[in-house]
Amino acid sequence: MTIVIRSAQLFSDYLDKTNADNALVSAVADLVQLQMKDLQRALHGAGNFLLTGPFARHHVSYQCWVSMSDDRRTAAFRRFLSDTGNRQPPVHVQASDGGLTVLNATKVARKPGQRKQPRAARTTSKKAA
């Protein structure tokens, strides 16, 4: 009889813990949904956040957003979410007046075949004892 009561108590404790875990999971899920809605509002400029930097190109005016179908809205939002923000530097840089175009400079100028050796790979010599 005590084994059955103990098993019932353990099962009851398990259910309480499971409900607490489910409450935590549902609270986190609600928080994530709220953040996703904030991101979507930022996409058309109606929320508390603003798109900046490389993500500003995803901005859609509010009038266009209202006239979009749900499929187009979802597609625009997915395109925004899949953007990593990494951009390749342009090959050519053009002057603001358009009169001069030059090749873009590399970050580090090195001679052909030259490379930076990692710190861990540098050689050291032993001291004579």
N, C-alpha and C. Protein backbone atom coordinates (compact mmCIF):
# COMPACT_ATOMS: atom_id res chain seq x y z
N MET A 1 0.81 -1.20 0.00
CA MET A 1 0.00 0.00 0.00
C MET A 1 0.86 1.26 0.00
N THR A 2 1.95 1.28 0.76
CA THR A 2 2.81 2.45 0.80
C THR A 2 3.51 2.67 -0.54
N ILE A 3 3.77 1.58 -1.25
CA ILE A 3 4.41 1.71 -2.56
C ILE A 3 3.46 2.42 -3.53
N VAL A 4 2.20 2.09 -3.48
CA VAL A 4 1.22 2.72 -4.36
C VAL A 4 1.08 4.20 -4.00
N ILE A 5 1.02 4.51 -2.71
CA ILE A 5 0.91 5.92 -2.28
C ILE A 5 2.15 6.69 -2.69
N ARG A 6 3.33 6.09 -2.50
CA ARG A 6 4.59 6.76 -2.88
C ARG A 6 4.63 6.98 -4.39
N SER A 7 4.19 5.98 -5.15
CA SER A 7 4.16 6.13 -6.61
C SER A 7 3.20 7.24 -7.02
N ALA A 8 2.06 7.32 -6.35
CA ALA A 8 1.10 8.38 -6.65
C ALA A 8 1.69 9.74 -6.33
N GLN A 9 2.45 9.84 -5.22
CA GLN A 9 3.08 11.11 -4.88
C GLN A 9 4.13 11.50 -5.91
N LEU A 10 4.94 10.51 -6.32
CA LEU A 10 5.95 10.79 -7.35
C LEU A 10 5.30 11.24 -8.65
N PHE A 11 4.21 10.57 -9.03
CA PHE A 11 3.52 10.93 -10.26
C PHE A 11 2.93 12.34 -10.13
N SER A 12 2.38 12.64 -8.97
CA SER A 12 1.83 13.98 -8.73
C SER A 12 2.92 15.04 -8.81
N ASP A 13 4.08 14.74 -8.20
CA ASP A 13 5.21 15.67 -8.28
C ASP A 13 5.66 15.85 -9.72
N TYR A 14 5.67 14.74 -10.49
CA TYR A 14 6.06 14.81 -11.90
C TYR A 14 5.10 15.70 -12.68
N LEU A 15 3.78 15.53 -12.42
CA LEU A 15 2.80 16.35 -13.13
C LEU A 15 2.96 17.83 -12.79
N ASP A 16 3.21 18.13 -11.49
CA ASP A 16 3.43 19.52 -11.10
C ASP A 16 4.65 20.10 -11.81
N LYS A 17 5.72 19.30 -11.86
CA LYS A 17 6.94 19.77 -12.52
C LYS A 17 6.70 19.95 -14.02
N THR A 18 5.98 19.01 -14.63
CA THR A 18 5.68 19.11 -16.05
C THR A 18 4.84 20.34 -16.34
N ASN A 19 3.86 20.61 -15.50
CA ASN A 19 3.04 21.81 -15.71
C ASN A 19 3.86 23.08 -15.55
N ALA A 20 4.80 23.05 -14.58
CA ALA A 20 5.67 24.22 -14.42
C ALA A 20 6.56 24.38 -15.65
N ASP A 21 7.09 23.26 -16.18
CA ASP A 21 7.91 23.33 -17.38
C ASP A 21 7.08 23.83 -18.57
N ASN A 22 5.85 23.33 -18.67
CA ASN A 22 4.98 23.77 -19.76
C ASN A 22 4.67 25.26 -19.63
N ALA A 23 4.50 25.73 -18.41
CA ALA A 23 4.24 27.16 -18.20
C ALA A 23 5.45 27.97 -18.63
N LEU A 24 6.65 27.49 -18.31
CA LEU A 24 7.87 28.19 -18.71
C LEU A 24 8.01 28.20 -20.23
N VAL A 25 7.78 27.05 -20.84
CA VAL A 25 7.89 26.96 -22.30
C VAL A 25 6.86 27.87 -22.97
N SER A 26 5.65 27.89 -22.46
CA SER A 26 4.63 28.74 -23.08
C SER A 26 4.95 30.22 -22.87
N ALA A 27 5.55 30.56 -21.72
CA ALA A 27 5.93 31.97 -21.49
C ALA A 27 7.02 32.39 -22.45
N VAL A 28 7.99 31.52 -22.67
CA VAL A 28 9.08 31.83 -23.62
C VAL A 28 8.53 31.91 -25.03
N ALA A 29 7.60 31.00 -25.38
CA ALA A 29 7.00 31.03 -26.71
C ALA A 29 6.23 32.32 -26.92
N ASP A 30 5.50 32.78 -25.90
CA ASP A 30 4.78 34.05 -26.02
C ASP A 30 5.73 35.23 -26.21
N LEU A 31 6.85 35.19 -25.50
CA LEU A 31 7.85 36.25 -25.63
C LEU A 31 8.44 36.28 -27.04
N VAL A 32 8.73 35.11 -27.59
CA VAL A 32 9.28 35.04 -28.95
C VAL A 32 8.27 35.55 -29.96
N GLN A 33 6.99 35.19 -29.80
CA GLN A 33 5.96 35.67 -30.72
C GLN A 33 5.84 37.20 -30.66
N LEU A 34 5.94 37.76 -29.46
CA LEU A 34 5.88 39.21 -29.31
C LEU A 34 7.06 39.88 -30.02
N GLN A 35 8.25 39.29 -29.89
CA GLN A 35 9.42 39.86 -30.56
C GLN A 35 9.29 39.76 -32.07
N MET A 36 8.73 38.66 -32.56
CA MET A 36 8.53 38.53 -34.01
C MET A 36 7.55 39.58 -34.52
N LYS A 37 6.51 39.86 -33.75
CA LYS A 37 5.56 40.91 -34.15
C LYS A 37 6.24 42.27 -34.16
N ASP A 38 7.13 42.51 -33.18
CA ASP A 38 7.87 43.77 -33.16
C ASP A 38 8.77 43.89 -34.38
N LEU A 39 9.40 42.79 -34.78
CA LEU A 39 10.23 42.80 -35.98
C LEU A 39 9.39 43.11 -37.22
N GLN A 40 8.23 42.51 -37.28
CA GLN A 40 7.37 42.74 -38.44
C GLN A 40 6.89 44.19 -38.48
N ARG A 41 6.61 44.76 -37.31
CA ARG A 41 6.21 46.17 -37.27
C ARG A 41 7.36 47.08 -37.70
N ALA A 42 8.59 46.70 -37.34
CA ALA A 42 9.75 47.49 -37.74
C ALA A 42 9.92 47.47 -39.26
N LEU A 43 9.47 46.40 -39.88
CA LEU A 43 9.60 46.26 -41.33
C LEU A 43 8.82 47.36 -42.05
N HIS A 44 7.67 47.74 -41.52
CA HIS A 44 6.89 48.80 -42.16
C HIS A 44 6.83 50.07 -41.34
N GLY A 45 7.66 50.16 -40.30
CA GLY A 45 7.83 51.42 -39.57
C GLY A 45 6.73 51.77 -38.60
N ALA A 46 5.93 50.79 -38.14
CA ALA A 46 4.84 51.11 -37.24
C ALA A 46 5.15 50.74 -35.79
N GLY A 47 6.29 50.15 -35.52
CA GLY A 47 6.60 49.68 -34.18
C GLY A 47 7.55 50.60 -33.45
N ASN A 48 8.11 50.08 -32.37
CA ASN A 48 9.05 50.84 -31.55
C ASN A 48 10.47 50.76 -32.09
N PHE A 49 10.72 49.92 -33.07
CA PHE A 49 12.07 49.71 -33.58
C PHE A 49 12.19 50.23 -35.00
N LEU A 50 13.44 50.46 -35.42
CA LEU A 50 13.72 51.03 -36.73
C LEU A 50 14.80 50.20 -37.41
N LEU A 51 14.64 49.94 -38.69
CA LEU A 51 15.65 49.20 -39.45
C LEU A 51 16.80 50.13 -39.78
N THR A 52 18.02 49.71 -39.50
CA THR A 52 19.20 50.53 -39.79
C THR A 52 20.24 49.70 -40.51
N GLY A 53 21.25 50.39 -40.99
CA GLY A 53 22.39 49.73 -41.62
C GLY A 53 21.99 48.93 -42.84
N PRO A 54 22.55 47.73 -42.98
CA PRO A 54 22.28 46.94 -44.18
C PRO A 54 20.85 46.41 -44.24
N PHE A 55 20.10 46.50 -43.15
CA PHE A 55 18.73 45.98 -43.14
C PHE A 55 17.71 47.04 -43.57
N ALA A 56 18.14 48.28 -43.72
CA ALA A 56 17.22 49.35 -44.10
C ALA A 56 16.64 49.13 -45.50
N ARG A 57 17.30 48.34 -46.30
CA ARG A 57 16.80 48.10 -47.66
C ARG A 57 15.52 47.27 -47.67
N HIS A 58 15.19 46.62 -46.53
CA HIS A 58 13.98 45.81 -46.43
C HIS A 58 12.76 46.64 -46.02
N HIS A 59 12.95 47.92 -45.74
CA HIS A 59 11.84 48.76 -45.29
C HIS A 59 10.79 48.89 -46.37
N VAL A 60 9.54 48.75 -45.96
CA VAL A 60 8.40 48.89 -46.86
C VAL A 60 7.52 50.00 -46.29
N SER A 61 7.09 50.92 -47.12
CA SER A 61 6.25 52.01 -46.62
C SER A 61 4.92 51.43 -46.11
N TYR A 62 4.32 52.16 -45.20
CA TYR A 62 3.08 51.66 -44.58
C TYR A 62 1.96 51.50 -45.61
N GLN A 63 1.88 52.41 -46.58
CA GLN A 63 0.85 52.32 -47.60
C GLN A 63 1.02 51.05 -48.44
N CYS A 64 2.27 50.74 -48.78
CA CYS A 64 2.53 49.51 -49.55
C CYS A 64 2.22 48.28 -48.70
N TRP A 65 2.56 48.35 -47.41
CA TRP A 65 2.32 47.21 -46.52
C TRP A 65 0.82 46.91 -46.41
N VAL A 66 0.02 47.95 -46.31
CA VAL A 66 -1.42 47.76 -46.18
C VAL A 66 -2.00 47.17 -47.45
N SER A 67 -1.46 47.57 -48.60
CA SER A 67 -1.99 47.08 -49.86
C SER A 67 -1.46 45.69 -50.24
N MET A 68 -0.46 45.18 -49.53
CA MET A 68 0.10 43.86 -49.83
C MET A 68 -0.84 42.74 -49.40
N SER A 69 -0.79 41.63 -50.13
CA SER A 69 -1.53 40.45 -49.69
C SER A 69 -0.75 39.77 -48.56
N ASP A 70 -1.41 38.86 -47.87
CA ASP A 70 -0.75 38.16 -46.75
C ASP A 70 0.46 37.36 -47.24
N ASP A 71 0.37 36.78 -48.43
CA ASP A 71 1.49 36.01 -48.97
C ASP A 71 2.70 36.90 -49.23
N ARG A 72 2.45 38.08 -49.79
CA ARG A 72 3.57 39.00 -50.06
C ARG A 72 4.17 39.53 -48.78
N ARG A 73 3.33 39.78 -47.77
CA ARG A 73 3.85 40.22 -46.47
C ARG A 73 4.74 39.15 -45.85
N THR A 74 4.26 37.92 -45.90
CA THR A 74 5.04 36.80 -45.35
C THR A 74 6.36 36.64 -46.10
N ALA A 75 6.31 36.78 -47.42
CA ALA A 75 7.53 36.66 -48.23
C ALA A 75 8.52 37.77 -47.89
N ALA A 76 8.04 38.99 -47.73
CA ALA A 76 8.92 40.11 -47.39
C ALA A 76 9.53 39.92 -46.00
N PHE A 77 8.74 39.42 -45.07
CA PHE A 77 9.24 39.19 -43.71
C PHE A 77 10.26 38.06 -43.69
N ARG A 78 10.01 37.01 -44.44
CA ARG A 78 10.98 35.90 -44.51
C ARG A 78 12.29 36.35 -45.16
N ARG A 79 12.18 37.18 -46.18
CA ARG A 79 13.38 37.70 -46.84
C ARG A 79 14.19 38.54 -45.85
N PHE A 80 13.49 39.32 -45.02
CA PHE A 80 14.15 40.13 -44.00
C PHE A 80 14.83 39.24 -42.96
N LEU A 81 14.14 38.20 -42.51
CA LEU A 81 14.71 37.32 -41.49
C LEU A 81 15.90 36.51 -42.01
N SER A 82 15.89 36.18 -43.28
CA SER A 82 16.98 35.37 -43.83
C SER A 82 18.21 36.19 -44.16
N ASP A 83 18.10 37.52 -44.13
CA ASP A 83 19.25 38.38 -44.43
C ASP A 83 20.23 38.37 -43.26
N THR A 84 21.50 38.10 -43.54
CA THR A 84 22.52 38.05 -42.49
C THR A 84 23.16 39.40 -42.25
N GLY A 85 23.03 40.32 -43.17
CA GLY A 85 23.63 41.64 -43.00
C GLY A 85 25.04 41.72 -43.57
N ASN A 86 25.62 40.59 -43.98
CA ASN A 86 26.96 40.61 -44.58
C ASN A 86 26.86 41.06 -46.02
N ARG A 87 27.71 41.97 -46.40
CA ARG A 87 27.73 42.47 -47.77
C ARG A 87 29.14 42.35 -48.33
N GLN A 88 29.24 42.08 -49.61
CA GLN A 88 30.53 42.05 -50.29
C GLN A 88 30.89 43.47 -50.67
N PRO A 89 32.12 43.88 -50.44
CA PRO A 89 32.50 45.24 -50.85
C PRO A 89 32.48 45.36 -52.37
N PRO A 90 32.11 46.52 -52.87
CA PRO A 90 32.05 46.68 -54.33
C PRO A 90 33.45 46.61 -54.95
N VAL A 91 33.51 46.12 -56.18
CA VAL A 91 34.78 46.01 -56.88
C VAL A 91 35.28 47.39 -57.28
N HIS A 92 34.38 48.24 -57.72
CA HIS A 92 34.73 49.60 -58.14
C HIS A 92 34.03 50.61 -57.22
N VAL A 93 34.73 51.69 -56.96
CA VAL A 93 34.16 52.79 -56.19
C VAL A 93 34.06 53.98 -57.13
N GLN A 94 32.87 54.59 -57.15
CA GLN A 94 32.64 55.71 -58.06
C GLN A 94 32.48 56.99 -57.26
N ALA A 95 33.03 58.07 -57.79
CA ALA A 95 32.91 59.38 -57.14
C ALA A 95 31.45 59.82 -57.14
N SER A 96 31.11 60.70 -56.21
CA SER A 96 29.72 61.13 -56.09
C SER A 96 29.23 61.87 -57.33
N ASP A 97 30.13 62.56 -58.04
CA ASP A 97 29.70 63.25 -59.26
C ASP A 97 29.74 62.33 -60.47
N GLY A 98 30.24 61.10 -60.29
CA GLY A 98 30.26 60.12 -61.37
C GLY A 98 31.41 60.29 -62.33
N GLY A 99 32.34 61.22 -62.07
CA GLY A 99 33.42 61.49 -63.01
C GLY A 99 34.59 60.53 -62.89
N LEU A 100 34.76 59.86 -61.78
CA LEU A 100 35.93 59.01 -61.57
C LEU A 100 35.51 57.68 -60.98
N THR A 101 36.06 56.60 -61.54
CA THR A 101 35.82 55.26 -61.03
C THR A 101 37.16 54.59 -60.80
N VAL A 102 37.38 54.09 -59.59
CA VAL A 102 38.64 53.41 -59.27
C VAL A 102 38.34 52.06 -58.64
N LEU A 103 39.35 51.20 -58.66
CA LEU A 103 39.21 49.90 -58.00
C LEU A 103 39.18 50.09 -56.49
N ASN A 104 38.38 49.27 -55.83
CA ASN A 104 38.30 49.34 -54.38
C ASN A 104 39.59 48.77 -53.78
N ALA A 105 40.11 49.40 -52.75
CA ALA A 105 41.34 48.97 -52.12
C ALA A 105 41.07 47.78 -51.20
N THR A 106 42.01 46.87 -51.13
CA THR A 106 41.89 45.75 -50.22
C THR A 106 42.21 46.24 -48.81
N LYS A 107 41.77 45.48 -47.81
CA LYS A 107 42.00 45.91 -46.43
C LYS A 107 43.48 45.91 -46.09
N VAL A 108 44.19 44.86 -46.48
CA VAL A 108 45.60 44.73 -46.14
C VAL A 108 46.39 44.54 -47.42
N ALA A 109 47.38 45.38 -47.62
CA ALA A 109 48.21 45.25 -48.81
C ALA A 109 49.39 44.33 -48.48
N ARG A 110 49.47 43.23 -49.18
CA ARG A 110 50.57 42.29 -48.99
C ARG A 110 51.16 41.91 -50.34
N LYS A 111 52.41 41.55 -50.32
CA LYS A 111 53.05 41.06 -51.54
C LYS A 111 52.48 39.68 -51.86
N PRO A 112 52.54 39.26 -53.12
CA PRO A 112 52.04 37.93 -53.47
C PRO A 112 52.79 36.85 -52.69
N GLY A 113 52.06 35.89 -52.15
CA GLY A 113 52.67 34.80 -51.39
C GLY A 113 52.87 35.13 -49.92
N GLN A 114 52.66 36.37 -49.53
CA GLN A 114 52.84 36.75 -48.14
C GLN A 114 51.54 36.49 -47.38
N ARG A 115 51.67 36.02 -46.13
CA ARG A 115 50.49 35.82 -45.30
C ARG A 115 50.86 36.08 -43.86
N LYS A 116 49.86 36.30 -43.04
CA LYS A 116 50.11 36.50 -41.63
C LYS A 116 50.13 35.14 -40.97
N GLN A 117 51.20 34.88 -40.24
CA GLN A 117 51.34 33.59 -39.59
C GLN A 117 50.61 33.62 -38.25
N PRO A 118 49.78 32.62 -37.97
CA PRO A 118 49.08 32.61 -36.68
C PRO A 118 50.07 32.61 -35.52
N ARG A 119 49.67 33.20 -34.42
CA ARG A 119 50.54 33.32 -33.26
C ARG A 119 50.99 31.96 -32.76
N ALA A 120 50.11 30.98 -32.77
CA ALA A 120 50.44 29.66 -32.26
C ALA A 120 51.46 28.95 -33.14
N ALA A 121 51.58 29.35 -34.41
CA ALA A 121 52.46 28.66 -35.34
C ALA A 121 53.84 29.30 -35.41
N ARG A 122 54.09 30.36 -34.67
CA ARG A 122 55.38 31.02 -34.75
C ARG A 122 56.45 30.16 -34.12
N THR A 123 57.60 30.23 -34.70
CA THR A 123 58.68 29.39 -34.17
C THR A 123 59.40 30.08 -33.04
N THR A 124 59.91 29.29 -32.16
CA THR A 124 60.70 29.80 -31.04
C THR A 124 61.98 28.98 -30.94
N SER A 125 62.99 29.59 -30.46
CA SER A 125 64.24 28.83 -30.28
C SER A 125 64.45 28.58 -28.80
N LYS A 126 65.07 27.43 -28.50
CA LYS A 126 65.33 27.08 -27.10
C LYS A 126 66.56 27.82 -26.63
N LYS A 127 66.53 28.20 -25.38
CA LYS A 127 67.68 28.87 -24.79
C LYS A 127 68.74 27.83 -24.45
N ALA A 128 69.97 28.21 -24.61
CA ALA A 128 71.05 27.29 -24.26
C ALA A 128 71.16 27.25 -22.73
N ALA A 129 71.29 26.06 -22.19
CA ALA A 129 71.32 25.90 -20.73
C ALA A 129 72.71 26.01 -20.18
